[in-house]
Amino acid sequence: MKYVRNEWMKLWAKKSSWVMLIIMLVLVAGPAALMKYYDEPLNENWQETLQQENMEYQNMLQDETTLEEDKAYFQELIVMNEYRLTNDIPPQTSTTIDSFMGFELSLLSMFATLFTVVVAAGIVSSEFSTGTIKMLLTRPVARWKILLSKLVTTIFYGLFIYVVTIAFSALIGVILWGTTVSTPLEMIDGIVKEGDVWGSYFEMLALSFSDFFMSIFLAFMIGSVFSSSSLAVGLTLFISFMGATVVMLLSKYEVAKYIWITHTDLTQYAAGSSPMIEGLTLPFSLTMNVIYAVLFLVVTFTFFMKRDVTA
């Protein structure tokens, strides 16, 4: 822990670490202000609105030109509207704390991963570029401990900005919209059920950590092996943004199931979503991520342990 603490202090001594944290907070406050400014108040006559909608849906059902699949859809809407009217559940027409935090989650996940990748790419390569790596490795400390402390520090930084910004978004949400949450409805086997907004939120949060960790391991490996933070950041971001396109192009081939970029985004297994390749399952994707994570770390530590820094 002593080495992690040293790396942690070195990391926060850099202005860039504070700048990235401030940017994350701005990404919460900025959209919150805009959403509050353009927010629409709750429709006080929402019952009448739903009743009017149901009348229109009934007319569509009686129209002979309406397709059968459309009729089934309109029938579901009628049933859900009746459920809201019976149970006094207004539809969501204005922002609530859960809708705001749900909107922010994808934004914060993307930028938290991006900024942590920047740290992962430079935390080792910067030691080589500044020449401090020689002094660092002359200490009576095993190389693997030094490298591990840098990896742990990077992960701690990413988790820290995650926690801080999520807590900040919750605080802003309570201040601007209170603690009232929306009540989404869904049809399951012909029965109307109320959605669990916080369950869905934390499910998406948990699934987003896969891309977070895999991006860190990849950037950390490239930065350590090639001593280039720009290469690590550029290549990692390129793979992250182009990964889905590559998977789609290769989806008809069996090899696509074994490429790591197919499995980094686990949100494809969230409720209401479908995997990029038919037949994939969450356990299989988790297994592939673990295999590639171990591979990245083995390559990283092997190269670092054997690297000659005397020149």
Protein backbone atom coordinates (compact mmCIF):
# COMPACT_ATOMS: atom_id res chain seq x y z
CA MET A 1 0.00 0.00 0.00
CA LYS A 2 2.95 2.33 0.56
CA TYR A 3 3.80 2.27 -3.13
CA VAL A 4 0.17 2.84 -4.10
CA ARG A 5 0.02 5.81 -1.74
CA ASN A 6 3.15 7.26 -3.33
CA GLU A 7 1.71 6.84 -6.82
CA TRP A 8 -1.59 8.33 -5.64
CA MET A 9 0.17 11.45 -4.35
CA LYS A 10 2.19 11.76 -7.57
CA LEU A 11 -0.98 11.46 -9.63
CA TRP A 12 -2.80 14.25 -7.78
CA ALA A 13 0.29 16.44 -7.95
CA LYS A 14 -0.42 16.73 -11.68
CA LYS A 15 -2.80 19.49 -12.77
CA SER A 16 -4.28 17.23 -15.43
CA SER A 17 -5.78 14.93 -12.77
CA TRP A 18 -7.68 17.84 -11.25
CA VAL A 19 -8.69 19.20 -14.66
CA MET A 20 -10.23 15.86 -15.65
CA LEU A 21 -12.18 15.69 -12.39
CA ILE A 22 -13.47 19.26 -12.87
CA ILE A 23 -14.54 18.42 -16.43
CA MET A 24 -16.50 15.46 -15.10
CA LEU A 25 -18.33 17.73 -12.64
CA VAL A 26 -19.07 20.23 -15.42
CA LEU A 27 -20.53 17.39 -17.48
CA VAL A 28 -23.04 16.93 -14.66
CA ALA A 29 -23.85 20.56 -13.89
CA GLY A 30 -24.07 21.75 -17.51
CA PRO A 31 -26.70 19.30 -18.81
CA ALA A 32 -28.59 19.58 -15.51
CA ALA A 33 -28.97 23.35 -15.96
CA LEU A 34 -30.16 22.94 -19.55
CA MET A 35 -32.62 20.18 -18.67
CA LYS A 36 -34.05 22.25 -15.83
CA TYR A 37 -34.37 25.33 -18.04
CA TYR A 38 -36.23 23.47 -20.81
CA ASP A 39 -38.15 21.19 -18.46
CA GLU A 40 -41.89 20.91 -19.01
CA PRO A 41 -44.20 20.95 -15.98
CA LEU A 42 -46.36 17.95 -15.19
CA ASN A 43 -49.62 17.95 -17.14
CA GLU A 44 -52.30 18.46 -14.48
CA ASN A 45 -54.93 17.03 -16.84
CA TRP A 46 -52.98 13.89 -17.66
CA GLN A 47 -56.02 11.66 -17.00
CA GLU A 48 -58.00 13.39 -19.72
CA THR A 49 -55.00 13.14 -22.05
CA LEU A 50 -54.72 9.37 -21.52
CA GLN A 51 -58.46 8.89 -22.02
CA GLN A 52 -58.26 10.83 -25.28
CA GLU A 53 -55.31 8.70 -26.38
CA ASN A 54 -57.25 5.52 -25.65
CA MET A 55 -60.15 6.73 -27.78
CA GLU A 56 -57.75 7.35 -30.66
CA TYR A 57 -56.18 3.91 -30.19
CA GLN A 58 -59.65 2.32 -30.20
CA ASN A 59 -60.40 4.01 -33.51
CA MET A 60 -57.14 2.63 -34.91
CA LEU A 61 -58.12 -0.86 -33.77
CA GLN A 62 -61.45 -0.60 -35.57
CA ASP A 63 -59.79 0.65 -38.76
CA GLU A 64 -59.60 -2.26 -41.24
CA THR A 65 -56.43 -0.87 -42.80
CA THR A 66 -54.48 -1.19 -39.54
CA LEU A 67 -51.95 -4.04 -39.61
CA GLU A 68 -52.27 -6.84 -37.07
CA GLU A 69 -48.90 -6.09 -35.42
CA ASP A 70 -49.95 -2.45 -35.09
CA LYS A 71 -53.22 -3.51 -33.51
CA ALA A 72 -51.33 -5.54 -30.91
CA TYR A 73 -49.15 -2.51 -30.17
CA PHE A 74 -52.15 -0.18 -29.77
CA GLN A 75 -53.83 -2.74 -27.53
CA GLU A 76 -50.80 -2.75 -25.24
CA LEU A 77 -50.84 1.04 -25.06
CA ILE A 78 -54.52 1.00 -24.10
CA VAL A 79 -53.90 -1.53 -21.33
CA MET A 80 -50.96 0.45 -19.92
CA ASN A 81 -52.91 3.71 -20.05
CA GLU A 82 -55.79 2.04 -18.20
CA TYR A 83 -53.31 0.83 -15.59
CA ARG A 84 -52.06 4.38 -15.04
CA LEU A 85 -55.60 5.71 -14.74
CA THR A 86 -56.63 2.97 -12.31
CA ASN A 87 -53.56 3.29 -10.09
CA ASP A 88 -53.17 7.09 -10.37
CA ILE A 89 -49.72 6.88 -12.00
CA PRO A 90 -49.07 9.90 -14.25
CA PRO A 91 -46.90 9.39 -17.36
CA GLN A 92 -43.45 10.94 -17.35
CA THR A 93 -43.61 14.28 -19.14
CA SER A 94 -41.01 16.12 -17.07
CA THR A 95 -37.53 15.34 -15.77
CA THR A 96 -37.17 13.36 -12.56
CA ILE A 97 -34.06 12.48 -10.60
CA ASP A 98 -33.92 8.97 -12.06
CA SER A 99 -34.34 10.14 -15.67
CA PHE A 100 -31.62 12.75 -15.15
CA MET A 101 -29.19 10.27 -13.59
CA GLY A 102 -29.99 7.72 -16.28
CA PHE A 103 -29.19 10.29 -18.97
CA GLU A 104 -25.95 11.24 -17.21
CA LEU A 105 -24.80 7.65 -16.70
CA SER A 106 -23.87 6.96 -20.32
CA LEU A 107 -22.11 10.33 -20.56
CA LEU A 108 -20.18 9.87 -17.32
CA SER A 109 -19.24 6.27 -18.19
CA MET A 110 -17.76 7.35 -21.51
CA PHE A 111 -15.71 10.23 -20.10
CA ALA A 112 -14.66 8.40 -16.92
CA THR A 113 -13.30 5.61 -19.13
CA LEU A 114 -11.62 8.14 -21.46
CA PHE A 115 -9.87 10.02 -18.64
CA THR A 116 -8.81 6.83 -16.89
CA VAL A 117 -7.37 5.56 -20.18
CA VAL A 118 -5.30 8.75 -20.37
CA VAL A 119 -3.93 8.05 -16.88
CA ALA A 120 -3.32 4.37 -17.66
CA ALA A 121 -1.48 5.23 -20.86
CA GLY A 122 0.84 7.76 -19.23
CA ILE A 123 1.48 6.48 -15.72
CA VAL A 124 4.28 4.18 -16.93
CA SER A 125 5.29 5.74 -20.25
CA SER A 126 5.85 9.15 -18.60
CA GLU A 127 8.52 7.58 -16.40
CA PHE A 128 10.43 6.60 -19.53
CA SER A 129 9.95 9.91 -21.33
CA THR A 130 11.18 11.92 -18.32
CA GLY A 131 13.99 9.50 -17.52
CA THR A 132 12.77 8.88 -13.96
CA ILE A 133 12.31 5.18 -14.65
CA LYS A 134 16.01 4.53 -13.96
CA MET A 135 15.82 6.15 -10.55
CA LEU A 136 12.56 4.34 -9.81
CA LEU A 137 13.97 0.91 -10.61
CA THR A 138 17.18 1.42 -8.64
CA ARG A 139 15.16 1.15 -5.44
CA PRO A 140 15.30 -2.19 -3.61
CA VAL A 141 11.77 -2.98 -4.71
CA ALA A 142 10.62 -5.73 -7.07
CA ARG A 143 9.65 -4.43 -10.50
CA TRP A 144 6.30 -6.16 -10.39
CA LYS A 145 5.40 -4.29 -7.20
CA ILE A 146 6.15 -0.96 -8.86
CA LEU A 147 4.08 -1.84 -11.92
CA LEU A 148 1.23 -3.24 -9.81
CA SER A 149 1.11 -0.08 -7.70
CA LYS A 150 0.72 2.00 -10.86
CA LEU A 151 -2.08 -0.23 -12.15
CA VAL A 152 -3.93 -0.15 -8.82
CA THR A 153 -3.54 3.64 -8.63
CA THR A 154 -4.99 4.00 -12.11
CA ILE A 155 -8.01 1.87 -11.23
CA PHE A 156 -8.50 3.78 -7.97
CA TYR A 157 -8.46 7.07 -9.87
CA GLY A 158 -11.08 5.86 -12.33
CA LEU A 159 -13.33 4.52 -9.59
CA PHE A 160 -12.86 7.73 -7.61
CA ILE A 161 -14.07 10.01 -10.41
CA TYR A 162 -16.91 7.56 -11.06
CA VAL A 163 -18.10 7.72 -7.44
CA VAL A 164 -17.64 11.48 -7.10
CA THR A 165 -19.52 12.34 -10.28
CA ILE A 166 -22.37 9.90 -9.61
CA ALA A 167 -22.74 11.29 -6.09
CA PHE A 168 -22.64 14.82 -7.52
CA SER A 169 -25.29 13.98 -10.12
CA ALA A 170 -27.50 12.53 -7.36
CA LEU A 171 -27.06 15.70 -5.31
CA ILE A 172 -27.86 17.95 -8.29
CA GLY A 173 -30.85 15.74 -9.13
CA VAL A 174 -32.29 16.03 -5.62
CA ILE A 175 -31.76 19.80 -5.55
CA LEU A 176 -33.41 20.42 -8.94
CA TRP A 177 -36.09 17.70 -9.08
CA GLY A 178 -36.49 16.32 -5.57
CA THR A 179 -36.72 12.62 -4.77
CA THR A 180 -39.78 11.78 -6.88
CA VAL A 181 -39.03 9.06 -9.43
CA SER A 182 -40.83 8.08 -12.60
CA THR A 183 -42.84 4.87 -12.95
CA PRO A 184 -42.20 3.19 -16.29
CA LEU A 185 -44.55 0.41 -17.30
CA GLU A 186 -43.86 -2.70 -19.34
CA MET A 187 -45.92 -5.60 -20.65
CA ILE A 188 -44.68 -9.05 -19.63
CA ASP A 189 -46.73 -12.01 -20.85
CA GLY A 190 -49.77 -9.79 -21.21
CA ILE A 191 -49.48 -8.40 -17.66
CA VAL A 192 -48.61 -4.78 -16.89
CA LYS A 193 -45.71 -4.44 -14.46
CA GLU A 194 -44.05 -1.38 -12.99
CA GLY A 195 -40.37 -1.04 -13.89
CA ASP A 196 -37.67 -0.82 -11.24
CA VAL A 197 -35.90 2.42 -12.21
CA TRP A 198 -33.09 2.12 -9.67
CA GLY A 199 -32.61 -1.56 -10.40
CA SER A 200 -32.20 -0.72 -14.08
CA TYR A 201 -29.84 2.14 -13.24
CA PHE A 202 -27.49 0.04 -11.14
CA GLU A 203 -27.68 -2.80 -13.66
CA MET A 204 -26.44 -0.45 -16.40
CA LEU A 205 -23.79 0.94 -14.05
CA ALA A 206 -22.47 -2.53 -13.22
CA LEU A 207 -22.45 -3.63 -16.87
CA SER A 208 -20.58 -0.46 -17.94
CA PHE A 209 -17.60 -1.39 -15.75
CA SER A 210 -16.56 -4.11 -18.19
CA ASP A 211 -15.57 -1.62 -20.88
CA PHE A 212 -14.01 0.56 -18.17
CA PHE A 213 -11.64 -2.16 -16.93
CA MET A 214 -10.82 -3.66 -20.32
CA SER A 215 -9.93 -0.23 -21.73
CA ILE A 216 -7.65 0.38 -18.73
CA PHE A 217 -5.83 -2.93 -19.16
CA LEU A 218 -5.34 -2.36 -22.90
CA ALA A 219 -4.06 1.22 -22.50
CA PHE A 220 -1.85 0.19 -19.59
CA MET A 221 -0.33 -2.62 -21.68
CA ILE A 222 0.35 -0.45 -24.73
CA GLY A 223 1.74 2.40 -22.64
CA SER A 224 4.04 0.05 -20.71
CA VAL A 225 5.26 -1.98 -23.68
CA PHE A 226 5.78 0.85 -26.19
CA SER A 227 6.46 3.69 -23.70
CA SER A 228 4.08 5.90 -25.67
CA SER A 229 1.04 7.44 -24.03
CA SER A 230 -0.23 8.95 -27.28
CA LEU A 231 -0.14 5.55 -29.01
CA ALA A 232 -1.90 3.93 -26.06
CA VAL A 233 -4.66 6.54 -25.90
CA GLY A 234 -5.13 6.72 -29.66
CA LEU A 235 -5.22 2.98 -30.23
CA THR A 236 -7.49 2.30 -27.26
CA LEU A 237 -9.98 4.98 -28.30
CA PHE A 238 -9.88 3.83 -31.92
CA ILE A 239 -10.72 0.28 -30.86
CA SER A 240 -13.44 1.51 -28.48
CA PHE A 241 -15.20 3.64 -31.10
CA MET A 242 -14.67 1.33 -34.07
CA GLY A 243 -15.13 -1.94 -32.18
CA ALA A 244 -18.86 -2.23 -32.80
CA THR A 245 -18.36 -1.61 -36.53
CA VAL A 246 -15.67 -4.30 -36.74
CA VAL A 247 -17.89 -6.77 -34.90
CA MET A 248 -20.79 -6.07 -37.28
CA LEU A 249 -18.55 -6.65 -40.31
CA LEU A 250 -17.29 -9.95 -38.87
CA SER A 251 -20.55 -11.08 -37.28
CA LYS A 252 -21.20 -13.71 -39.95
CA TYR A 253 -17.90 -15.40 -39.13
CA GLU A 254 -17.38 -17.67 -36.13
CA VAL A 255 -14.17 -15.85 -35.18
CA ALA A 256 -16.19 -12.76 -34.19
CA LYS A 257 -17.34 -14.58 -31.05
CA TYR A 258 -13.76 -14.78 -29.80
CA ILE A 259 -12.62 -11.20 -30.44
CA TRP A 260 -12.39 -9.29 -27.19
CA ILE A 261 -14.10 -6.14 -28.51
CA THR A 262 -17.24 -8.22 -29.03
CA HIS A 263 -17.56 -8.65 -25.28
CA THR A 264 -16.34 -5.40 -23.69
CA ASP A 265 -19.74 -3.68 -23.83
CA LEU A 266 -21.86 -5.79 -21.50
CA THR A 267 -24.77 -3.34 -21.68
CA GLN A 268 -25.84 -5.39 -24.70
CA TYR A 269 -27.21 -7.85 -22.12
CA ALA A 270 -29.29 -5.26 -20.25
CA ALA A 271 -33.06 -5.68 -20.14
CA GLY A 272 -34.59 -4.66 -23.45
CA SER A 273 -31.32 -5.07 -25.36
CA SER A 274 -29.98 -7.90 -27.49
CA PRO A 275 -26.40 -9.12 -28.00
CA MET A 276 -24.47 -7.95 -31.04
CA ILE A 277 -24.05 -11.55 -32.20
CA GLU A 278 -26.86 -14.04 -31.89
CA GLY A 279 -26.17 -16.81 -29.40
CA LEU A 280 -23.85 -14.86 -27.11
CA THR A 281 -24.53 -15.00 -23.38
CA LEU A 282 -23.41 -12.90 -20.43
CA PRO A 283 -21.37 -15.73 -18.79
CA PHE A 284 -19.53 -16.36 -22.07
CA SER A 285 -18.71 -12.65 -22.49
CA LEU A 286 -17.51 -12.42 -18.88
CA THR A 287 -15.28 -15.44 -19.46
CA MET A 288 -13.78 -13.95 -22.62
CA ASN A 289 -13.16 -10.65 -20.82
CA VAL A 290 -11.34 -12.42 -18.00
CA ILE A 291 -9.19 -14.36 -20.48
CA TYR A 292 -8.19 -11.23 -22.40
CA ALA A 293 -7.65 -9.24 -19.19
CA VAL A 294 -5.23 -11.91 -17.95
CA LEU A 295 -3.52 -11.94 -21.35
CA PHE A 296 -3.06 -8.15 -21.34
CA LEU A 297 -1.66 -8.19 -17.81
CA VAL A 298 0.70 -11.11 -18.51
CA VAL A 299 2.11 -9.30 -21.55
CA THR A 300 2.44 -6.06 -19.58
CA PHE A 301 4.25 -7.54 -16.60
CA THR A 302 6.44 -9.84 -18.74
CA PHE A 303 7.75 -6.97 -20.89
CA PHE A 304 8.24 -4.67 -17.92
CA MET A 305 10.10 -7.28 -15.89
CA LYS A 306 12.51 -8.05 -18.74
CA ARG A 307 12.92 -4.54 -20.09
CA ASP A 308 16.41 -3.04 -20.16
CA VAL A 309 16.38 0.52 -18.80
CA THR A 310 20.13 1.00 -18.42
CA ALA A 311 20.56 2.53 -21.87
